[in-house]
Amino acid sequence: MELKTARLTILIDPAKKLAFEELCRTQDMTPSQVVRRLIREFMEQQEPEPATRRAPRKAAVPARKR
């Protein structure tokens, strides 16, 4: 876990906030733990694939002269 933290403020419908907090409680997790996990998973999904797994780039085809 990181040593320093920063605050993230979001606006959410009060009913959704209450339902989210209750759902977190049923999973024995805090809302902060769930949000951190969601952010981490989202960021991992956005990372480009390693170069060894990408399809090789095709060489550019020169334009034809008329």
PDB file of N, CA and C in Angstrom:
ATOM      1  N   MET A   1       0.835  -1.176   0.000  1.00  0.00           N
ATOM      2  CA  MET A   1       0.000   0.000   0.000  1.00  0.00           C
ATOM      3  C   MET A   1       0.887   1.249   0.000  1.00  0.00           C
ATOM      4  N   GLU A   2       0.418   2.293  -0.666  1.00  0.00           N
ATOM      5  CA  GLU A   2       1.182   3.521  -0.766  1.00  0.00           C
ATOM      6  C   GLU A   2       1.334   4.175   0.606  1.00  0.00           C
ATOM      7  N   LEU A   3       2.424   4.896   0.774  1.00  0.00           N
ATOM      8  CA  LEU A   3       2.647   5.582   2.037  1.00  0.00           C
ATOM      9  C   LEU A   3       1.898   6.900   2.102  1.00  0.00           C
ATOM     10  N   LYS A   4       1.773   7.592   0.967  1.00  0.00           N
ATOM     11  CA  LYS A   4       1.053   8.854   0.921  1.00  0.00           C
ATOM     12  C   LYS A   4      -0.306   8.628   0.310  1.00  0.00           C
ATOM     13  N   THR A   5      -1.262   9.429   0.707  1.00  0.00           N
ATOM     14  CA  THR A   5      -2.603   9.297   0.136  1.00  0.00           C
ATOM     15  C   THR A   5      -3.084  10.662  -0.334  1.00  0.00           C
ATOM     16  N   ALA A   6      -4.047  10.637  -1.227  1.00  0.00           N
ATOM     17  CA  ALA A   6      -4.682  11.852  -1.719  1.00  0.00           C
ATOM     18  C   ALA A   6      -6.183  11.622  -1.680  1.00  0.00           C
ATOM     19  N   ARG A   7      -6.914  12.670  -1.501  1.00  0.00           N
ATOM     20  CA  ARG A   7      -8.369  12.571  -1.409  1.00  0.00           C
ATOM     21  C   ARG A   7      -8.992  12.741  -2.785  1.00  0.00           C
ATOM     22  N   LEU A   8      -9.990  11.930  -3.083  1.00  0.00           N
ATOM     23  CA  LEU A   8     -10.767  12.017  -4.317  1.00  0.00           C
ATOM     24  C   LEU A   8     -12.206  12.290  -3.904  1.00  0.00           C
ATOM     25  N   THR A   9     -12.737  13.401  -4.348  1.00  0.00           N
ATOM     26  CA  THR A   9     -14.107  13.769  -4.000  1.00  0.00           C
ATOM     27  C   THR A   9     -14.997  13.549  -5.210  1.00  0.00           C
ATOM     28  N   ILE A  10     -16.094  12.822  -5.011  1.00  0.00           N
ATOM     29  CA  ILE A  10     -17.041  12.587  -6.092  1.00  0.00           C
ATOM     30  C   ILE A  10     -18.433  13.004  -5.628  1.00  0.00           C
ATOM     31  N   LEU A  11     -19.282  13.293  -6.590  1.00  0.00           N
ATOM     32  CA  LEU A  11     -20.679  13.577  -6.291  1.00  0.00           C
ATOM     33  C   LEU A  11     -21.497  12.375  -6.724  1.00  0.00           C
ATOM     34  N   ILE A  12     -22.388  11.924  -5.857  1.00  0.00           N
ATOM     35  CA  ILE A  12     -23.198  10.746  -6.135  1.00  0.00           C
ATOM     36  C   ILE A  12     -24.571  10.940  -5.507  1.00  0.00           C
ATOM     37  N   ASP A  13     -25.557  10.371  -6.132  1.00  0.00           N
ATOM     38  CA  ASP A  13     -26.919  10.419  -5.617  1.00  0.00           C
ATOM     39  C   ASP A  13     -26.942   9.809  -4.201  1.00  0.00           C
ATOM     40  N   PRO A  14     -27.574  10.479  -3.241  1.00  0.00           N
ATOM     41  CA  PRO A  14     -27.580   9.968  -1.858  1.00  0.00           C
ATOM     42  C   PRO A  14     -28.114   8.540  -1.719  1.00  0.00           C
ATOM     43  N   ALA A  15     -29.123   8.186  -2.486  1.00  0.00           N
ATOM     44  CA  ALA A  15     -29.664   6.823  -2.398  1.00  0.00           C
ATOM     45  C   ALA A  15     -28.643   5.807  -2.903  1.00  0.00           C
ATOM     46  N   LYS A  16     -27.916   6.149  -3.969  1.00  0.00           N
ATOM     47  CA  LYS A  16     -26.880   5.249  -4.493  1.00  0.00           C
ATOM     48  C   LYS A  16     -25.734   5.121  -3.500  1.00  0.00           C
ATOM     49  N   LYS A  17     -25.393   6.223  -2.856  1.00  0.00           N
ATOM     50  CA  LYS A  17     -24.318   6.184  -1.856  1.00  0.00           C
ATOM     51  C   LYS A  17     -24.685   5.240  -0.723  1.00  0.00           C
ATOM     52  N   LEU A  18     -25.896   5.351  -0.236  1.00  0.00           N
ATOM     53  CA  LEU A  18     -26.351   4.491   0.857  1.00  0.00           C
ATOM     54  C   LEU A  18     -26.354   3.022   0.422  1.00  0.00           C
ATOM     55  N   ALA A  19     -26.876   2.749  -0.769  1.00  0.00           N
ATOM     56  CA  ALA A  19     -26.903   1.371  -1.272  1.00  0.00           C
ATOM     57  C   ALA A  19     -25.482   0.833  -1.452  1.00  0.00           C
ATOM     58  N   PHE A  20     -24.565   1.677  -1.965  1.00  0.00           N
ATOM     59  CA  PHE A  20     -23.167   1.275  -2.151  1.00  0.00           C
ATOM     60  C   PHE A  20     -22.524   0.942  -0.812  1.00  0.00           C
ATOM     61  N   GLU A  21     -22.727   1.798   0.181  1.00  0.00           N
ATOM     62  CA  GLU A  21     -22.153   1.561   1.512  1.00  0.00           C
ATOM     63  C   GLU A  21     -22.688   0.265   2.119  1.00  0.00           C
ATOM     64  N   GLU A  22     -23.977   0.013   1.940  1.00  0.00           N
ATOM     65  CA  GLU A  22     -24.566  -1.221   2.472  1.00  0.00           C
ATOM     66  C   GLU A  22     -23.995  -2.445   1.768  1.00  0.00           C
ATOM     67  N   LEU A  23     -23.846  -2.355   0.446  1.00  0.00           N
ATOM     68  CA  LEU A  23     -23.277  -3.466  -0.309  1.00  0.00           C
ATOM     69  C   LEU A  23     -21.828  -3.716   0.105  1.00  0.00           C
ATOM     70  N   CYS A  24     -21.076  -2.649   0.300  1.00  0.00           N
ATOM     71  CA  CYS A  24     -19.685  -2.798   0.768  1.00  0.00           C
ATOM     72  C   CYS A  24     -19.659  -3.507   2.118  1.00  0.00           C
ATOM     73  N   ARG A  25     -20.564  -3.120   3.000  1.00  0.00           N
ATOM     74  CA  ARG A  25     -20.635  -3.737   4.323  1.00  0.00           C
ATOM     75  C   ARG A  25     -20.895  -5.242   4.217  1.00  0.00           C
ATOM     76  N   THR A  26     -21.772  -5.654   3.272  1.00  0.00           N
ATOM     77  CA  THR A  26     -22.059  -7.085   3.121  1.00  0.00           C
ATOM     78  C   THR A  26     -20.836  -7.852   2.629  1.00  0.00           C
ATOM     79  N   GLN A  27     -19.922  -7.152   1.956  1.00  0.00           N
ATOM     80  CA  GLN A  27     -18.690  -7.771   1.451  1.00  0.00           C
ATOM     81  C   GLN A  27     -17.532  -7.603   2.433  1.00  0.00           C
ATOM     82  N   ASP A  28     -17.826  -7.017   3.599  1.00  0.00           N
ATOM     83  CA  ASP A  28     -16.815  -6.762   4.629  1.00  0.00           C
ATOM     84  C   ASP A  28     -15.659  -5.917   4.081  1.00  0.00           C
ATOM     85  N   MET A  29     -16.046  -4.890   3.300  1.00  0.00           N
ATOM     86  CA  MET A  29     -15.062  -3.970   2.724  1.00  0.00           C
ATOM     87  C   MET A  29     -15.544  -2.548   2.966  1.00  0.00           C
ATOM     88  N   THR A  30     -14.601  -1.620   3.012  1.00  0.00           N
ATOM     89  CA  THR A  30     -14.985  -0.218   3.118  1.00  0.00           C
ATOM     90  C   THR A  30     -15.217   0.324   1.706  1.00  0.00           C
ATOM     91  N   PRO A  31     -16.021   1.379   1.581  1.00  0.00           N
ATOM     92  CA  PRO A  31     -16.183   1.994   0.264  1.00  0.00           C
ATOM     93  C   PRO A  31     -14.839   2.408  -0.344  1.00  0.00           C
ATOM     94  N   SER A  32     -13.928   2.905   0.466  1.00  0.00           N
ATOM     95  CA  SER A  32     -12.609   3.304  -0.044  1.00  0.00           C
ATOM     96  C   SER A  32     -11.859   2.121  -0.637  1.00  0.00           C
ATOM     97  N   GLN A  33     -11.923   0.963   0.015  1.00  0.00           N
ATOM     98  CA  GLN A  33     -11.244  -0.224  -0.510  1.00  0.00           C
ATOM     99  C   GLN A  33     -11.815  -0.602  -1.875  1.00  0.00           C
ATOM    100  N   VAL A  34     -13.130  -0.540  -2.009  1.00  0.00           N
ATOM    101  CA  VAL A  34     -13.771  -0.917  -3.267  1.00  0.00           C
ATOM    102  C   VAL A  34     -13.411   0.068  -4.368  1.00  0.00           C
ATOM    103  N   VAL A  35     -13.451   1.353  -4.055  1.00  0.00           N
ATOM    104  CA  VAL A  35     -13.123   2.371  -5.069  1.00  0.00           C
ATOM    105  C   VAL A  35     -11.664   2.249  -5.493  1.00  0.00           C
ATOM    106  N   ARG A  36     -10.759   2.034  -4.544  1.00  0.00           N
ATOM    107  CA  ARG A  36      -9.342   1.856  -4.904  1.00  0.00           C
ATOM    108  C   ARG A  36      -9.158   0.652  -5.822  1.00  0.00           C
ATOM    109  N   ARG A  37      -9.867  -0.449  -5.526  1.00  0.00           N
ATOM    110  CA  ARG A  37      -9.770  -1.633  -6.375  1.00  0.00           C
ATOM    111  C   ARG A  37     -10.317  -1.354  -7.773  1.00  0.00           C
ATOM    112  N   LEU A  38     -11.454  -0.670  -7.852  1.00  0.00           N
ATOM    113  CA  LEU A  38     -12.036  -0.334  -9.150  1.00  0.00           C
ATOM    114  C   LEU A  38     -11.092   0.537  -9.974  1.00  0.00           C
ATOM    115  N   ILE A  39     -10.473   1.514  -9.327  1.00  0.00           N
ATOM    116  CA  ILE A  39      -9.533   2.393 -10.030  1.00  0.00           C
ATOM    117  C   ILE A  39      -8.329   1.601 -10.516  1.00  0.00           C
ATOM    118  N   ARG A  40      -7.786   0.749  -9.652  1.00  0.00           N
ATOM    119  CA  ARG A  40      -6.616  -0.056 -10.016  1.00  0.00           C
ATOM    120  C   ARG A  40      -6.939  -0.975 -11.201  1.00  0.00           C
ATOM    121  N   GLU A  41      -8.102  -1.647 -11.160  1.00  0.00           N
ATOM    122  CA  GLU A  41      -8.490  -2.539 -12.251  1.00  0.00           C
ATOM    123  C   GLU A  41      -8.726  -1.764 -13.545  1.00  0.00           C
ATOM    124  N   PHE A  42      -9.346  -0.600 -13.453  1.00  0.00           N
ATOM    125  CA  PHE A  42      -9.582   0.226 -14.637  1.00  0.00           C
ATOM    126  C   PHE A  42      -8.265   0.640 -15.270  1.00  0.00           C
ATOM    127  N   MET A  43      -7.317   1.051 -14.441  1.00  0.00           N
ATOM    128  CA  MET A  43      -6.021   1.473 -14.961  1.00  0.00           C
ATOM    129  C   MET A  43      -5.280   0.321 -15.609  1.00  0.00           C
ATOM    130  N   GLU A  44      -5.373  -0.881 -15.028  1.00  0.00           N
ATOM    131  CA  GLU A  44      -4.717  -2.044 -15.610  1.00  0.00           C
ATOM    132  C   GLU A  44      -5.312  -2.379 -16.969  1.00  0.00           C
ATOM    133  N   GLN A  45      -6.621  -2.205 -17.124  1.00  0.00           N
ATOM    134  CA  GLN A  45      -7.278  -2.470 -18.402  1.00  0.00           C
ATOM    135  C   GLN A  45      -6.832  -1.486 -19.477  1.00  0.00           C
ATOM    136  N   GLN A  46      -6.429  -0.294 -19.085  1.00  0.00           N
ATOM    137  CA  GLN A  46      -6.063   0.742 -20.042  1.00  0.00           C
ATOM    138  C   GLN A  46      -4.614   0.659 -20.479  1.00  0.00           C
ATOM    139  N   GLU A  47      -3.804  -0.143 -19.798  1.00  0.00           N
ATOM    140  CA  GLU A  47      -2.389  -0.256 -20.154  1.00  0.00           C
ATOM    141  C   GLU A  47      -2.251  -0.958 -21.497  1.00  0.00           C
ATOM    142  N   PRO A  48      -1.366  -0.461 -22.363  1.00  0.00           N
ATOM    143  CA  PRO A  48      -1.152  -1.134 -23.648  1.00  0.00           C
ATOM    144  C   PRO A  48      -0.531  -2.506 -23.431  1.00  0.00           C
ATOM    145  N   GLU A  49      -0.802  -3.406 -24.365  1.00  0.00           N
ATOM    146  CA  GLU A  49      -0.224  -4.746 -24.282  1.00  0.00           C
ATOM    147  C   GLU A  49       1.284  -4.660 -24.463  1.00  0.00           C
ATOM    148  N   PRO A  50       2.020  -5.564 -23.846  1.00  0.00           N
ATOM    149  CA  PRO A  50       3.474  -5.572 -24.055  1.00  0.00           C
ATOM    150  C   PRO A  50       3.794  -5.741 -25.539  1.00  0.00           C
ATOM    151  N   ALA A  51       4.897  -5.166 -25.978  1.00  0.00           N
ATOM    152  CA  ALA A  51       5.279  -5.178 -27.399  1.00  0.00           C
ATOM    153  C   ALA A  51       5.404  -6.604 -27.931  1.00  0.00           C
ATOM    154  N   THR A  52       5.787  -7.544 -27.106  1.00  0.00           N
ATOM    155  CA  THR A  52       5.973  -8.923 -27.573  1.00  0.00           C
ATOM    156  C   THR A  52       4.652  -9.593 -27.903  1.00  0.00           C
ATOM    157  N   ARG A  53       3.537  -9.077 -27.395  1.00  0.00           N
ATOM    158  CA  ARG A  53       2.245  -9.700 -27.644  1.00  0.00           C
ATOM    159  C   ARG A  53       1.448  -8.992 -28.735  1.00  0.00           C
ATOM    160  N   ARG A  54       1.910  -7.815 -29.154  1.00  0.00           N
ATOM    161  CA  ARG A  54       1.208  -7.067 -30.204  1.00  0.00           C
ATOM    162  C   ARG A  54       1.508  -7.654 -31.564  1.00  0.00           C
ATOM    163  N   ALA A  55       0.557  -7.501 -32.469  1.00  0.00           N
ATOM    164  CA  ALA A  55       0.789  -7.941 -33.847  1.00  0.00           C
ATOM    165  C   ALA A  55       1.857  -7.041 -34.466  1.00  0.00           C
ATOM    166  N   PRO A  56       2.746  -7.614 -35.285  1.00  0.00           N
ATOM    167  CA  PRO A  56       3.788  -6.791 -35.903  1.00  0.00           C
ATOM    168  C   PRO A  56       3.167  -5.747 -36.825  1.00  0.00           C
ATOM    169  N   ARG A  57       3.788  -4.580 -36.864  1.00  0.00           N
ATOM    170  CA  ARG A  57       3.303  -3.514 -37.743  1.00  0.00           C
ATOM    171  C   ARG A  57       3.716  -3.812 -39.165  1.00  0.00           C
ATOM    172  N   LYS A  58       2.813  -3.512 -40.087  1.00  0.00           N
ATOM    173  CA  LYS A  58       3.128  -3.691 -41.499  1.00  0.00           C
ATOM    174  C   LYS A  58       3.870  -2.458 -41.980  1.00  0.00           C
ATOM    175  N   ALA A  59       4.800  -2.681 -42.890  1.00  0.00           N
ATOM    176  CA  ALA A  59       5.541  -1.557 -43.464  1.00  0.00           C
ATOM    177  C   ALA A  59       4.590  -0.714 -44.291  1.00  0.00           C
ATOM    178  N   ALA A  60       4.794   0.585 -44.262  1.00  0.00           N
ATOM    179  CA  ALA A  60       3.959   1.490 -45.051  1.00  0.00           C
ATOM    180  C   ALA A  60       4.176   1.243 -46.530  1.00  0.00           C
ATOM    181  N   VAL A  61       3.095   1.230 -47.280  1.00  0.00           N
ATOM    182  CA  VAL A  61       3.181   1.045 -48.732  1.00  0.00           C
ATOM    183  C   VAL A  61       3.365   2.419 -49.355  1.00  0.00           C
ATOM    184  N   PRO A  62       4.431   2.587 -50.176  1.00  0.00           N
ATOM    185  CA  PRO A  62       4.650   3.908 -50.789  1.00  0.00           C
ATOM    186  C   PRO A  62       3.498   4.250 -51.736  1.00  0.00           C
ATOM    187  N   ALA A  63       3.191   5.525 -51.803  1.00  0.00           N
ATOM    188  CA  ALA A  63       2.123   5.989 -52.692  1.00  0.00           C
ATOM    189  C   ALA A  63       2.546   5.801 -54.140  1.00  0.00           C
ATOM    190  N   ARG A  64       1.603   5.439 -54.985  1.00  0.00           N
ATOM    191  CA  ARG A  64       1.903   5.227 -56.414  1.00  0.00           C
ATOM    192  C   ARG A  64       1.993   6.580 -57.129  1.00  0.00           C
ATOM    193  N   LYS A  65       2.932   6.652 -58.050  1.00  0.00           N
ATOM    194  CA  LYS A  65       3.052   7.858 -58.880  1.00  0.00           C
ATOM    195  C   LYS A  65       2.114   7.732 -60.041  1.00  0.00           C
ATOM    196  N   ARG A  66       1.496   8.804 -60.462  1.00  0.00           N
ATOM    197  CA  ARG A  66       0.566   8.784 -61.600  1.00  0.00           C
ATOM    198  C   ARG A  66       1.251   9.179 -62.858  1.00  0.00           C
TER     199      ARG A  66
END
